[in-house]
C-alpha atoms as a PDB file:
ATOM      1  CA  MET A   1      93.494 124.028  73.412  1.00  0.00           C
ATOM      2  CA  SER A   2      93.577 126.225  76.919  1.00  0.00           C
ATOM      3  CA  LYS A   3      93.028 123.140  79.016  1.00  0.00           C
ATOM      4  CA  PHE A   4      96.484 121.932  77.891  1.00  0.00           C
ATOM      5  CA  PHE A   5      98.095 124.838  79.641  1.00  0.00           C
ATOM      6  CA  LYS A   6      95.880 125.583  82.332  1.00  0.00           C
ATOM      7  CA  ILE A   7      97.488 125.011  85.765  1.00  0.00           C
ATOM      8  CA  GLY A   8      96.345 122.545  87.912  1.00  0.00           C
ATOM      9  CA  GLU A   9      93.978 120.906  85.105  1.00  0.00           C
ATOM     10  CA  LYS A  10      94.240 117.119  84.566  1.00  0.00           C
ATOM     11  CA  LEU A  11      94.083 115.439  81.118  1.00  0.00           C
ATOM     12  CA  PRO A  12      92.101 112.195  80.007  1.00  0.00           C
ATOM     13  CA  LYS A  13      94.626 109.422  80.336  1.00  0.00           C
ATOM     14  CA  ARG A  14      94.029 108.812  76.506  1.00  0.00           C
ATOM     15  CA  THR A  15      95.123 112.437  75.835  1.00  0.00           C
ATOM     16  CA  VAL A  16      98.106 111.840  78.059  1.00  0.00           C
ATOM     17  CA  LEU A  17      99.267 108.839  76.036  1.00  0.00           C
ATOM     18  CA  TYR A  18      98.872 110.681  72.689  1.00  0.00           C
ATOM     19  CA  ILE A  19     101.167 113.366  74.045  1.00  0.00           C
ATOM     20  CA  GLU A  20     103.620 110.929  75.446  1.00  0.00           C
ATOM     21  CA  ILE A  21     103.902 109.319  71.801  1.00  0.00           C
ATOM     22  CA  LEU A  22     104.038 112.697  70.134  1.00  0.00           C
ATOM     23  CA  GLY A  23     106.893 113.448  72.670  1.00  0.00           C
ATOM     24  CA  LEU A  24     108.807 110.309  71.568  1.00  0.00           C
ATOM     25  CA  ILE A  25     108.392 111.042  68.039  1.00  0.00           C
ATOM     26  CA  LEU A  26     109.731 114.535  68.314  1.00  0.00           C
ATOM     27  CA  PHE A  27     112.546 113.405  70.196  1.00  0.00           C
ATOM     28  CA  LEU A  28     113.792 110.581  67.808  1.00  0.00           C
ATOM     29  CA  ALA A  29     113.410 113.236  64.971  1.00  0.00           C
ATOM     30  CA  PHE A  30     115.406 115.710  66.692  1.00  0.00           C
ATOM     31  CA  TRP A  31     117.927 113.063  67.639  1.00  0.00           C
ATOM     32  CA  TYR A  32     118.126 111.985  63.712  1.00  0.00           C
ATOM     33  CA  LEU A  33     118.147 115.421  62.419  1.00  0.00           C
ATOM     34  CA  ILE A  34     121.517 116.516  64.421  1.00  0.00           C
ATOM     35  CA  THR A  35     123.272 113.306  63.406  1.00  0.00           C
ATOM     36  CA  ILE A  36     122.278 113.278  59.901  1.00  0.00           C
ATOM     37  CA  PRO A  37     125.536 112.929  57.897  1.00  0.00           C
ATOM     38  CA  ILE A  38     126.581 116.118  55.977  1.00  0.00           C
ATOM     39  CA  GLU A  39     129.774 116.061  53.736  1.00  0.00           C
ATOM     40  CA  LYS A  40     132.559 118.286  55.103  1.00  0.00           C
ATOM     41  CA  PHE A  41     136.044 118.766  53.483  1.00  0.00           C
ATOM     42  CA  SER A  42     139.034 118.703  55.466  1.00  0.00           C
ATOM     43  CA  VAL A  43     142.444 119.747  54.667  1.00  0.00           C
ATOM     44  CA  GLY A  44     145.509 118.356  56.473  1.00  0.00           C
ATOM     45  CA  PHE A  45     149.102 117.659  56.398  1.00  0.00           C
ATOM     46  CA  THR A  46     151.742 115.704  58.056  1.00  0.00           C
ATOM     47  CA  SER A  47     155.341 116.694  57.737  1.00  0.00           C
ATOM     48  CA  SER A  48     159.176 116.125  58.519  1.00  0.00           C
ATOM     49  CA  THR A  49     160.621 119.320  58.706  1.00  0.00           C
ATOM     50  CA  PRO A  50     163.426 121.129  60.554  1.00  0.00           C
ATOM     51  CA  ALA A  51     162.655 122.027  64.364  1.00  0.00           C
ATOM     52  CA  ASN A  52     161.054 125.120  65.115  1.00  0.00           C
ATOM     53  CA  THR A  53     159.027 125.523  61.851  1.00  0.00           C
ATOM     54  CA  VAL A  54     156.047 127.770  61.871  1.00  0.00           C
ATOM     55  CA  TYR A  55     153.055 126.733  59.400  1.00  0.00           C
ATOM     56  CA  LYS A  56     150.404 128.876  58.053  1.00  0.00           C
ATOM     57  CA  TRP A  57     147.041 128.221  56.195  1.00  0.00           C
ATOM     58  CA  GLU A  58     145.319 130.968  54.232  1.00  0.00           C
ATOM     59  CA  GLY A  59     141.985 130.231  52.504  1.00  0.00           C
ATOM     60  CA  PRO A  60     138.359 131.172  51.638  1.00  0.00           C
ATOM     61  CA  ASN A  61     136.461 133.674  53.646  1.00  0.00           C
ATOM     62  CA  ASN A  62     139.690 135.444  55.113  1.00  0.00           C
ATOM     63  CA  PHE A  63     140.566 131.948  56.674  1.00  0.00           C
ATOM     64  CA  SER A  64     143.873 132.087  58.290  1.00  0.00           C
ATOM     65  CA  GLU A  65     145.469 129.715  60.817  1.00  0.00           C
ATOM     66  CA  GLU A  66     149.090 129.837  62.215  1.00  0.00           C
ATOM     67  CA  PHE A  67     150.579 127.133  64.413  1.00  0.00           C
ATOM     68  CA  SER A  68     153.780 125.109  65.390  1.00  0.00           C
ATOM     69  CA  GLY A  69     153.802 121.214  64.829  1.00  0.00           C
ATOM     70  CA  ASP A  70     153.853 118.475  62.295  1.00  0.00           C
ATOM     71  CA  ASN A  71     150.370 117.648  62.168  1.00  0.00           C
ATOM     72  CA  MET A  72     147.271 119.867  61.425  1.00  0.00           C
ATOM     73  CA  ILE A  73     143.710 119.157  60.108  1.00  0.00           C
ATOM     74  CA  ILE A  74     141.097 121.720  59.635  1.00  0.00           C
ATOM     75  CA  LYS A  75     137.577 121.703  58.301  1.00  0.00           C
ATOM     76  CA  ALA A  76     137.266 123.440  55.061  1.00  0.00           C
ATOM     77  CA  LEU A  77     135.158 125.067  52.601  1.00  0.00           C
ATOM     78  CA  PRO A  78     135.656 124.550  48.652  1.00  0.00           C
ATOM     79  CA  GLY A  79     138.140 126.849  47.474  1.00  0.00           C
ATOM     80  CA  VAL A  80     142.118 127.329  47.329  1.00  0.00           C
ATOM     81  CA  TYR A  81     144.097 126.799  50.373  1.00  0.00           C
ATOM     82  CA  LYS A  82     147.732 128.431  50.424  1.00  0.00           C
ATOM     83  CA  PHE A  83     150.236 126.658  52.620  1.00  0.00           C
ATOM     84  CA  PHE A  84     153.421 128.309  54.210  1.00  0.00           C
ATOM     85  CA  ALA A  85     156.398 126.787  56.256  1.00  0.00           C
ATOM     86  CA  GLU A  86     159.052 128.810  57.635  1.00  0.00           C
ATOM     87  CA  ASP A  87     161.798 127.532  59.397  1.00  0.00           C
ATOM     88  CA  SER A  88     164.065 128.974  62.228  1.00  0.00           C
ATOM     89  CA  LEU A  89     166.463 130.670  59.738  1.00  0.00           C
ATOM     90  CA  GLY A  90     163.827 132.476  57.993  1.00  0.00           C
ATOM     91  CA  CYS A  91     163.385 130.258  54.784  1.00  0.00           C
ATOM     92  CA  VAL A  92     159.818 130.176  53.574  1.00  0.00           C
ATOM     93  CA  ILE A  93     158.367 127.581  51.210  1.00  0.00           C
ATOM     94  CA  SER A  94     154.841 127.503  50.077  1.00  0.00           C
ATOM     95  CA  ASP A  95     152.169 125.395  47.945  1.00  0.00           C
ATOM     96  CA  SER A  96     148.581 125.338  47.479  1.00  0.00           C
ATOM     97  CA  VAL A  97     145.704 122.649  47.271  1.00  0.00           C
ATOM     98  CA  SER A  98     142.421 123.019  45.813  1.00  0.00           C
ATOM     99  CA  VAL A  99     139.127 121.741  47.705  1.00  0.00           C
ATOM    100  CA  PRO A 100     136.723 121.202  44.695  1.00  0.00           C
ATOM    101  CA  GLU A 101     132.855 121.794  45.123  1.00  0.00           C
ATOM    102  CA  GLU A 102     132.562 118.065  45.075  1.00  0.00           C
ATOM    103  CA  LEU A 103     135.123 115.317  46.084  1.00  0.00           C
ATOM    104  CA  PRO A 104     134.686 112.347  44.509  1.00  0.00           C
ATOM    105  CA  GLU A 105     137.851 110.850  46.095  1.00  0.00           C
ATOM    106  CA  ASN A 106     140.387 111.783  48.510  1.00  0.00           C
ATOM    107  CA  ILE A 107     143.192 114.096  47.268  1.00  0.00           C
ATOM    108  CA  SER A 108     146.786 113.708  48.383  1.00  0.00           C
ATOM    109  CA  LYS A 109     149.835 115.955  47.567  1.00  0.00           C
ATOM    110  CA  ASP A 110     153.418 115.138  48.423  1.00  0.00           C
ATOM    111  CA  PHE A 111     156.360 117.788  47.760  1.00  0.00           C
ATOM    112  CA  SER A 112     159.665 118.068  48.999  1.00  0.00           C
ATOM    113  CA  LYS A 113     161.733 121.047  48.860  1.00  0.00           C
ATOM    114  CA  SER A 114     165.156 122.366  50.278  1.00  0.00           C
ATOM    115  CA  CYS A 115     165.980 125.861  51.733  1.00  0.00           C
ATOM    116  CA  THR A 116     169.264 126.968  53.418  1.00  0.00           C
ATOM    117  CA  GLY A 117     170.283 123.242  53.596  1.00  0.00           C
ATOM    118  CA  ASN A 118     166.907 122.128  55.467  1.00  0.00           C
ATOM    119  CA  ASP A 119     164.860 119.445  53.741  1.00  0.00           C
ATOM    120  CA  PHE A 120     161.038 119.974  53.770  1.00  0.00           C
ATOM    121  CA  ASN A 121     159.122 116.939  53.295  1.00  0.00           C
ATOM    122  CA  ILE A 122     155.452 117.578  53.589  1.00  0.00           C
ATOM    123  CA  THR A 123     152.120 115.513  52.530  1.00  0.00           C
ATOM    124  CA  ILE A 124     149.053 117.779  52.084  1.00  0.00           C
ATOM    125  CA  GLN A 125     145.598 115.791  52.039  1.00  0.00           C
ATOM    126  CA  VAL A 126     142.121 116.667  51.219  1.00  0.00           C
ATOM    127  CA  LYS A 127     139.495 114.363  52.708  1.00  0.00           C
ATOM    128  CA  SER A 128     135.715 114.178  52.498  1.00  0.00           C
ATOM    129  CA  ILE A 129     134.551 113.612  56.083  1.00  0.00           C
ATOM    130  CA  LYS A 130     130.586 112.910  56.648  1.00  0.00           C
ATOM    131  CA  ASP A 131     129.424 114.101  60.122  1.00  0.00           C
ATOM    132  CA  GLY A 132     126.367 115.517  61.597  1.00  0.00           C
ATOM    133  CA  PHE A 133     125.526 118.898  63.168  1.00  0.00           C
ATOM    134  CA  VAL A 134     126.527 117.161  66.444  1.00  0.00           C
ATOM    135  CA  SER A 135     129.520 115.027  66.146  1.00  0.00           C
ATOM    136  CA  ARG A 136     129.041 111.188  66.160  1.00  0.00           C
ATOM    137  CA  ALA A 137     132.012 111.040  68.722  1.00  0.00           C
ATOM    138  CA  ILE A 138     129.481 112.751  71.130  1.00  0.00           C
ATOM    139  CA  ILE A 139     125.956 111.413  70.033  1.00  0.00           C
ATOM    140  CA  PRO A 140     125.833 108.343  67.738  1.00  0.00           C
ATOM    141  CA  PRO A 141     123.012 108.226  65.029  1.00  0.00           C
ATOM    142  CA  PRO A 142     119.823 106.222  66.173  1.00  0.00           C
ATOM    143  CA  LEU A 143     120.370 104.148  63.161  1.00  0.00           C
ATOM    144  CA  ASP A 144     123.636 103.149  64.268  1.00  0.00           C
ATOM    145  CA  VAL A 145     122.261 102.367  67.714  1.00  0.00           C
ATOM    146  CA  LEU A 146     119.650 100.088  66.524  1.00  0.00           C
ATOM    147  CA  LYS A 147     122.189  98.330  64.375  1.00  0.00           C
ATOM    148  CA  SER A 148     124.272  97.851  67.242  1.00  0.00           C
ATOM    149  CA  TYR A 149     121.688  95.351  68.842  1.00  0.00           C
ATOM    150  CA  LYS A 150     122.992  92.778  66.612  1.00  0.00           C
ATOM    151  CA  GLU A 151     126.320  92.652  67.582  1.00  0.00           C
ATOM    152  CA  LEU A 152     125.321  93.007  71.164  1.00  0.00           C
ATOM    153  CA  HIS A 153     123.112  89.931  70.927  1.00  0.00           C
ATOM    154  CA  PHE A 154     125.352  87.698  68.910  1.00  0.00           C
ATOM    155  CA  LYS A 155     128.862  88.677  70.235  1.00  0.00           C
ATOM    156  CA  ASP A 156     128.160  90.158  73.587  1.00  0.00           C
ATOM    157  CA  LEU A 157     125.238  87.885  74.489  1.00  0.00           C
ATOM    158  CA  VAL A 158     123.302  90.935  75.861  1.00  0.00           C
ATOM    159  CA  VAL A 159     120.482  88.955  76.699  1.00  0.00           C
ATOM    160  CA  ARG A 160     122.270  86.545  79.139  1.00  0.00           C
ATOM    161  CA  GLU A 161     124.331  89.577  80.629  1.00  0.00           C
ATOM    162  CA  THR A 162     120.962  91.481  81.074  1.00  0.00           C
ATOM    163  CA  PHE A 163     119.408  88.716  83.052  1.00  0.00           C
ATOM    164  CA  PHE A 164     122.507  88.390  85.030  1.00  0.00           C
ATOM    165  CA  SER A 165     121.957  92.034  86.109  1.00  0.00           C
ATOM    166  CA  LEU A 166     118.506  91.600  86.723  1.00  0.00           C
ATOM    167  CA  LYS A 167     119.065  88.634  89.115  1.00  0.00           C
ATOM    168  CA  LEU A 168     121.521  90.802  90.950  1.00  0.00           C
ATOM    169  CA  ASN A 169     118.748  93.531  91.341  1.00  0.00           C
ATOM    170  CA  VAL A 170     116.159  90.997  92.613  1.00  0.00           C
ATOM    171  CA  LEU A 171     118.449  89.278  95.234  1.00  0.00           C
ATOM    172  CA  GLY A 172     119.711  92.698  96.353  1.00  0.00           C
ATOM    173  CA  TYR A 173     116.191  94.015  96.616  1.00  0.00           C
ATOM    174  CA  MET A 174     114.979  91.122  98.638  1.00  0.00           C
ATOM    175  CA  GLU A 175     117.757  91.175 101.045  1.00  0.00           C
ATOM    176  CA  ALA A 176     117.402  94.941 101.467  1.00  0.00           C
ATOM    177  CA  ILE A 177     113.448  94.932 102.139  1.00  0.00           C
ATOM    178  CA  MET A 178     113.877  91.747 104.564  1.00  0.00           C
ATOM    179  CA  LEU A 179     116.423  93.668 106.722  1.00  0.00           C
ATOM    180  CA  SER A 180     114.905  96.908 106.448  1.00  0.00           C
ATOM    181  CA  PHE A 181     111.437  95.778 107.631  1.00  0.00           C
ATOM    182  CA  VAL A 182     112.949  93.548 110.448  1.00  0.00           C
ATOM    183  CA  LEU A 183     115.305  96.517 111.731  1.00  0.00           C
ATOM    184  CA  GLY A 184     112.957  99.100 111.008  1.00  0.00           C
ATOM    185  CA  PHE A 185     110.246  97.719 113.026  1.00  0.00           C
ATOM    186  CA  ILE A 186     112.762  96.752 115.853  1.00  0.00           C
ATOM    187  CA  ILE A 187     113.976 100.860 115.996  1.00  0.00           C
ATOM    188  CA  ALA A 188     110.523 102.411 115.456  1.00  0.00           C
ATOM    189  CA  LEU A 189     108.673 100.204 118.248  1.00  0.00           C
ATOM    190  CA  ILE A 190     111.188  99.657 120.896  1.00  0.00           C
ATOM    191  CA  PRO A 191     112.208 102.822 122.598  1.00  0.00           C
ATOM    192  CA  PHE A 192     115.676 101.613 123.641  1.00  0.00           C
ATOM    193  CA  PHE A 193     116.730 100.509 120.229  1.00  0.00           C
ATOM    194  CA  ARG A 194     115.334 103.759 118.748  1.00  0.00           C
ATOM    195  CA  ALA A 195     117.774 105.528 120.863  1.00  0.00           C
ATOM    196  CA  LEU A 196     120.483 103.209 120.305  1.00  0.00           C
ATOM    197  CA  LEU A 197     120.479 103.105 116.651  1.00  0.00           C
ATOM    198  CA  SER A 198     118.106 105.604 114.814  1.00  0.00           C
ATOM    199  CA  ARG A 199     120.487 108.477 114.943  1.00  0.00           C
ATOM    200  CA  TRP A 200     123.404 106.223 113.500  1.00  0.00           C
ATOM    201  CA  VAL A 201     121.376 104.694 110.970  1.00  0.00           C
ATOM    202  CA  ASN A 202     120.311 107.928 109.394  1.00  0.00           C
ATOM    203  CA  ALA A 203     123.894 108.876 109.392  1.00  0.00           C
ATOM    204  CA  VAL A 204     124.882 105.930 107.210  1.00  0.00           C
ATOM    205  CA  ARG A 205     123.029 107.575 104.318  1.00  0.00           C
ATOM    206  CA  PHE A 206     125.682 110.209 104.032  1.00  0.00           C
ATOM    207  CA  VAL A 207     128.381 107.645 103.368  1.00  0.00           C
ATOM    208  CA  PRO A 208     129.387 107.736  99.553  1.00  0.00           C
ATOM    209  CA  LEU A 209     128.686 104.183  98.471  1.00  0.00           C
ATOM    210  CA  THR A 210     131.490 104.476  95.523  1.00  0.00           C
ATOM    211  CA  ALA A 211     133.910 105.010  98.515  1.00  0.00           C
ATOM    212  CA  VAL A 212     133.330 101.635 100.443  1.00  0.00           C
ATOM    213  CA  THR A 213     133.591  99.375  97.192  1.00  0.00           C
ATOM    214  CA  GLY A 214     136.983  98.452  98.558  1.00  0.00           C
ATOM    215  CA  LEU A 215     135.366  97.399 101.967  1.00  0.00           C
ATOM    216  CA  PHE A 216     133.134  95.112 100.261  1.00  0.00           C
ATOM    217  CA  ILE A 217     135.656  93.328  97.982  1.00  0.00           C
ATOM    218  CA  ALA A 218     137.713  92.793 101.229  1.00  0.00           C
ATOM    219  CA  TRP A 219     134.436  91.366 103.032  1.00  0.00           C
ATOM    220  CA  PHE A 220     132.639  89.212 100.289  1.00  0.00           C
ATOM    221  CA  GLY A 221     135.655  88.987  97.390  1.00  0.00           C
ATOM    222  CA  ILE A 222     134.875  89.968  93.941  1.00  0.00           C
ATOM    223  CA  ALA A 223     132.187  87.340  92.818  1.00  0.00           C
ATOM    224  CA  SER A 224     128.567  87.894  92.351  1.00  0.00           C
ATOM    225  CA  ASN A 225     127.892  87.784  96.213  1.00  0.00           C
ATOM    226  CA  MET A 226     129.939  90.939  96.713  1.00  0.00           C
ATOM    227  CA  LYS A 227     127.454  92.784  94.047  1.00  0.00           C
ATOM    228  CA  VAL A 228     124.338  91.634  95.645  1.00  0.00           C
ATOM    229  CA  GLN A 229     125.673  92.704  99.217  1.00  0.00           C
ATOM    230  CA  PHE A 230     126.882  95.974  97.932  1.00  0.00           C
ATOM    231  CA  LEU A 231     123.428  96.594  95.929  1.00  0.00           C
ATOM    232  CA  ALA A 232     121.531  95.396  99.132  1.00  0.00           C
ATOM    233  CA  PHE A 233     123.456  97.860 101.228  1.00  0.00           C
ATOM    234  CA  GLY A 234     122.795 100.723  98.954  1.00  0.00           C
ATOM    235  CA  ILE A 235     119.228 100.147  99.187  1.00  0.00           C
ATOM    236  CA  PHE A 236     118.921  99.446 102.725  1.00  0.00           C
ATOM    237  CA  VAL A 237     120.735 102.722 103.882  1.00  0.00           C
ATOM    238  CA  TYR A 238     117.837 104.700 102.165  1.00  0.00           C
ATOM    239  CA  LEU A 239     114.977 102.290 102.973  1.00  0.00           C
ATOM    240  CA  ILE A 240     115.340 101.756 106.743  1.00  0.00           C
ATOM    241  CA  PRO A 241     114.778 105.391 107.844  1.00  0.00           C
ATOM    242  CA  VAL A 242     111.414 105.412 105.268  1.00  0.00           C
ATOM    243  CA  VAL A 243     110.544 102.318 106.975  1.00  0.00           C
ATOM    244  CA  VAL A 244     110.789 104.116 110.624  1.00  0.00           C
ATOM    245  CA  GLN A 245     109.009 107.078 109.305  1.00  0.00           C
ATOM    246  CA  ARG A 246     106.021 105.076 107.723  1.00  0.00           C
ATOM    247  CA  ILE A 247     105.418 103.400 111.118  1.00  0.00           C
ATOM    248  CA  ASP A 248     105.464 106.699 112.884  1.00  0.00           C
ATOM    249  CA  ASP A 249     103.150 107.791 110.428  1.00  0.00           C
ATOM    250  CA  VAL A 250     100.358 105.008 111.238  1.00  0.00           C
ATOM    251  CA  LYS A 251      97.327 106.794 112.230  1.00  0.00           C
ATOM    252  CA  LYS A 252      96.633 106.753 116.069  1.00  0.00           C
ATOM    253  CA  ILE A 253      92.958 106.078 115.496  1.00  0.00           C
ATOM    254  CA  HIS A 254      93.613 102.679 114.203  1.00  0.00           C
ATOM    255  CA  LEU A 255      95.813 101.992 117.088  1.00  0.00           C
ATOM    256  CA  GLN A 256      93.470 103.073 119.555  1.00  0.00           C
ATOM    257  CA  THR A 257      90.690 101.185 117.815  1.00  0.00           C
ATOM    258  CA  ALA A 258      92.579  98.053 118.170  1.00  0.00           C
ATOM    259  CA  PHE A 259      93.643  98.724 121.717  1.00  0.00           C
ATOM    260  CA  THR A 260      89.770  99.103 122.476  1.00  0.00           C
ATOM    261  CA  LEU A 261      89.264  95.682 120.799  1.00  0.00           C
ATOM    262  CA  GLY A 262      91.580  94.134 123.050  1.00  0.00           C
ATOM    263  CA  ALA A 263      94.247  93.592 120.431  1.00  0.00           C
ATOM    264  CA  SER A 264      97.786  91.937 121.783  1.00  0.00           C
ATOM    265  CA  LYS A 265     101.069  93.635 120.524  1.00  0.00           C
ATOM    266  CA  TRP A 266     101.548  91.107 117.900  1.00  0.00           C
ATOM    267  CA  GLN A 267      98.019  91.439 116.523  1.00  0.00           C
ATOM    268  CA  LEU A 268      98.838  95.212 116.264  1.00  0.00           C
ATOM    269  CA  ILE A 269     102.031  94.715 114.392  1.00  0.00           C
ATOM    270  CA  LYS A 270     100.293  91.842 112.140  1.00  0.00           C
ATOM    271  CA  SER A 271      96.926  93.699 111.678  1.00  0.00           C
ATOM    272  CA  ILE A 272      97.748  97.418 112.134  1.00  0.00           C
ATOM    273  CA  TYR A 273     101.345  98.338 111.381  1.00  0.00           C
ATOM    274  CA  PHE A 274     102.503  95.861 108.787  1.00  0.00           C
ATOM    275  CA  PRO A 275      99.606  96.489 106.165  1.00  0.00           C
ATOM    276  CA  SER A 276      99.752 100.203 106.690  1.00  0.00           C
ATOM    277  CA  VAL A 277     103.624 100.280 106.295  1.00  0.00           C
ATOM    278  CA  ALA A 278     103.611  97.817 103.178  1.00  0.00           C
ATOM    279  CA  SER A 279     101.051  99.377 101.541  1.00  0.00           C
ATOM    280  CA  LYS A 280     103.226 103.003 101.603  1.00  0.00           C
ATOM    281  CA  ILE A 281     106.491 101.579 101.455  1.00  0.00           C
ATOM    282  CA  ILE A 282     105.912 100.122  98.073  1.00  0.00           C
ATOM    283  CA  ASP A 283     105.844 103.553  96.359  1.00  0.00           C
ATOM    284  CA  ASP A 284     109.020 104.313  98.053  1.00  0.00           C
ATOM    285  CA  ILE A 285     110.536 100.937  96.674  1.00  0.00           C
ATOM    286  CA  ARG A 286     109.392 102.193  93.179  1.00  0.00           C
ATOM    287  CA  VAL A 287     111.515 105.151  93.570  1.00  0.00           C
ATOM    288  CA  LEU A 288     114.610 103.234  94.468  1.00  0.00           C
ATOM    289  CA  THR A 289     114.351 100.966  91.582  1.00  0.00           C
ATOM    290  CA  ALA A 290     116.004 103.681  89.613  1.00  0.00           C
ATOM    291  CA  ILE A 291     118.855 104.058  92.214  1.00  0.00           C
ATOM    292  CA  SER A 292     119.495 100.447  92.394  1.00  0.00           C
ATOM    293  CA  TRP A 293     120.506 100.386  88.615  1.00  0.00           C
ATOM    294  CA  THR A 294     123.152 102.977  89.471  1.00  0.00           C
ATOM    295  CA  TYR A 295     124.528 100.654  92.146  1.00  0.00           C
ATOM    296  CA  ILE A 296     124.515  97.608  89.926  1.00  0.00           C
ATOM    297  CA  ILE A 297     126.512  99.662  87.318  1.00  0.00           C
ATOM    298  CA  ILE A 298     128.988 100.517  89.880  1.00  0.00           C
ATOM    299  CA  ALA A 299     129.275  96.899  91.094  1.00  0.00           C
ATOM    300  CA  GLU A 300     129.697  94.929  87.871  1.00  0.00           C
ATOM    301  CA  MET A 301     132.477  97.570  86.847  1.00  0.00           C
ATOM    302  CA  LEU A 302     134.595  96.377  89.410  1.00  0.00           C
ATOM    303  CA  ASN A 303     135.563  93.074  87.918  1.00  0.00           C
ATOM    304  CA  GLN A 304     133.565  93.115  84.810  1.00  0.00           C
ATOM    305  CA  THR A 305     132.761  89.315  84.855  1.00  0.00           C
ATOM    306  CA  GLY A 306     129.136  89.979  83.746  1.00  0.00           C
ATOM    307  CA  GLY A 307     126.292  91.993  83.393  1.00  0.00           C
ATOM    308  CA  ILE A 308     125.034  94.979  81.478  1.00  0.00           C
ATOM    309  CA  GLY A 309     127.090  97.197  83.592  1.00  0.00           C
ATOM    310  CA  ALA A 310     130.284  95.606  82.507  1.00  0.00           C
ATOM    311  CA  LEU A 311     129.310  95.814  78.645  1.00  0.00           C
ATOM    312  CA  ILE A 312     128.583  99.428  79.093  1.00  0.00           C
ATOM    313  CA  HIS A 313     132.103 100.051  80.612  1.00  0.00           C
ATOM    314  CA  LEU A 314     133.890  97.948  78.155  1.00  0.00           C
ATOM    315  CA  SER A 315     131.869  99.580  75.309  1.00  0.00           C
ATOM    316  CA  GLY A 316     132.931 103.134  76.518  1.00  0.00           C
ATOM    317  CA  ARG A 317     136.428 102.060  76.681  1.00  0.00           C
ATOM    318  CA  GLN A 318     136.417 100.942  73.178  1.00  0.00           C
ATOM    319  CA  SER A 319     134.463 104.223  71.996  1.00  0.00           C
ATOM    320  CA  ARG A 320     131.470 102.501  71.004  1.00  0.00           C
ATOM    321  CA  LEU A 321     129.165 104.939  71.947  1.00  0.00           C
ATOM    322  CA  ASP A 322     126.231 103.405  69.753  1.00  0.00           C
ATOM    323  CA  LYS A 323     126.579 100.221  71.922  1.00  0.00           C
ATOM    324  CA  VAL A 324     126.583 102.299  75.038  1.00  0.00           C
ATOM    325  CA  PHE A 325     123.437 104.152  74.033  1.00  0.00           C
ATOM    326  CA  ALA A 326     121.954 101.029  73.031  1.00  0.00           C
ATOM    327  CA  LEU A 327     122.703  99.448  76.560  1.00  0.00           C
ATOM    328  CA  LEU A 328     121.408 102.556  78.382  1.00  0.00           C
ATOM    329  CA  ILE A 329     117.999 102.183  76.421  1.00  0.00           C
ATOM    330  CA  ILE A 330     117.616  98.593  77.597  1.00  0.00           C
ATOM    331  CA  ILE A 331     117.919  99.980  81.121  1.00  0.00           C
ATOM    332  CA  VAL A 332     115.376 102.359  80.643  1.00  0.00           C
ATOM    333  CA  LEU A 333     112.849  99.871  79.249  1.00  0.00           C
ATOM    334  CA  ILE A 334     113.678  97.500  82.091  1.00  0.00           C
ATOM    335  CA  GLY A 335     113.085 100.390  84.726  1.00  0.00           C
ATOM    336  CA  ILE A 336     109.915 101.445  82.951  1.00  0.00           C
ATOM    337  CA  ILE A 337     108.787  97.555  83.325  1.00  0.00           C
ATOM    338  CA  GLN A 338     109.677  97.454  86.813  1.00  0.00           C
ATOM    339  CA  ASP A 339     107.779 100.415  87.630  1.00  0.00           C
ATOM    340  CA  ARG A 340     104.577  99.198  86.069  1.00  0.00           C
ATOM    341  CA  LEU A 341     105.101  95.711  87.849  1.00  0.00           C
ATOM    342  CA  PHE A 342     105.375  97.496  91.249  1.00  0.00           C
ATOM    343  CA  ALA A 343     102.297  99.678  90.211  1.00  0.00           C
ATOM    344  CA  TRP A 344     100.341  96.158  89.300  1.00  0.00           C
ATOM    345  CA  LEU A 345     101.425  94.629  92.758  1.00  0.00           C
ATOM    346  CA  ASP A 346     100.416  97.663  94.526  1.00  0.00           C
ATOM    347  CA  LYS A 347      96.632  97.391  92.937  1.00  0.00           C
ATOM    348  CA  LYS A 348      96.524  93.780  93.575  1.00  0.00           C
ATOM    349  CA  LEU A 349      98.077  93.578  97.043  1.00  0.00           C
ATOM    350  CA  PHE A 350      96.752  96.796  98.580  1.00  0.00           C
ATOM    351  CA  LYS A 351      93.198  97.124  96.906  1.00  0.00           C
ATOM    352  CA  PHE A 352      91.865  99.507  99.782  1.00  0.00           C
ATOM    353  CA  LYS A 353      94.021 102.083  98.674  1.00  0.00           C
ATOM    354  CA  TYR A 354      92.020 102.376  95.443  1.00  0.00           C
ATOM    355  CA  GLN A 355      88.562 102.077  96.952  1.00  0.00           C
ATOM    356  CA  ALA A 356      86.530 105.226  96.240  1.00  0.00           C
ATOM    357  CA  ALA A 357      85.413 107.089  99.142  1.00  0.00           C
ATOM    358  CA  PRO A 358      81.738 106.726 100.106  1.00  0.00           C
ATOM    359  CA  LYS A 359      79.520 109.423  98.593  1.00  0.00           C
ATOM    360  CA  HIS A 360      77.461 111.203 101.504  1.00  0.00           C
END
């Protein structure tokens, strides 16, 4: 047991998998428990009364609440609640309502009274409300999230919208990677362009991307091309300094060996620089995959013509948190698949990274 908590200890892959599954089960169980519907009573009223009327509730466990206004709802325990209303002339009327231990149906009680020439028309209601430890308005129950996939599939066409977002992701990535490699090699290998552009390229990283969405709309319109360019720019500004750094990290011993063998400048780029940079940059691309989905959501919210980001924005405006959570789960699953895909490509394209060191 101590090896599970020993600093620096590495667990077997199968053990790690079991722990991950256990963590997922515990997370789902906790999510379910805090959203289990629990019956709660509420007492409330609506009224049409004179101006400047003060209302007061008194109930079990020394409950007391005083306020001004024509609407009030309180979560209540079973018991008898007394209601008082006093107008600006000092006229007081009162009534009571009983909240039973079990509430088979809602209770409504109307009464009208007059005092000092003023009419009090009040409706008192007792309702049974089912809510979890954490309100469903904050976190929807997992079963509601699961059920929402049916509506997302048949009504919102979530499969089509997901593939639309994936297309934007792939196109933006391809453009950003190509531009980053070309410009990165130029900046890193040619001293004039390093002095001319390096500092400014690094400075662009500090531009908040949400602040330049208006520029991209002005330059590329509001169609899909704008979203691709926005995504490509968001990845490009972070990737190009990394490409330059990876080129600078190429080991000098490899370059010196190539020079000794009479390699040309093109052969250096082809056989030394490019394989070394590509084998390392793929790890940086995996990290940027998560960031790219942030930019996709921002871009798709601009005109909401399609994509999973537009669905999230629309569901949020409709207060459909179950659908929002369901869509976020889809993005997480896509991100995990993309990460595994990059890991697989890394092992296939750069096998030398995983070759065991020779034993002496």
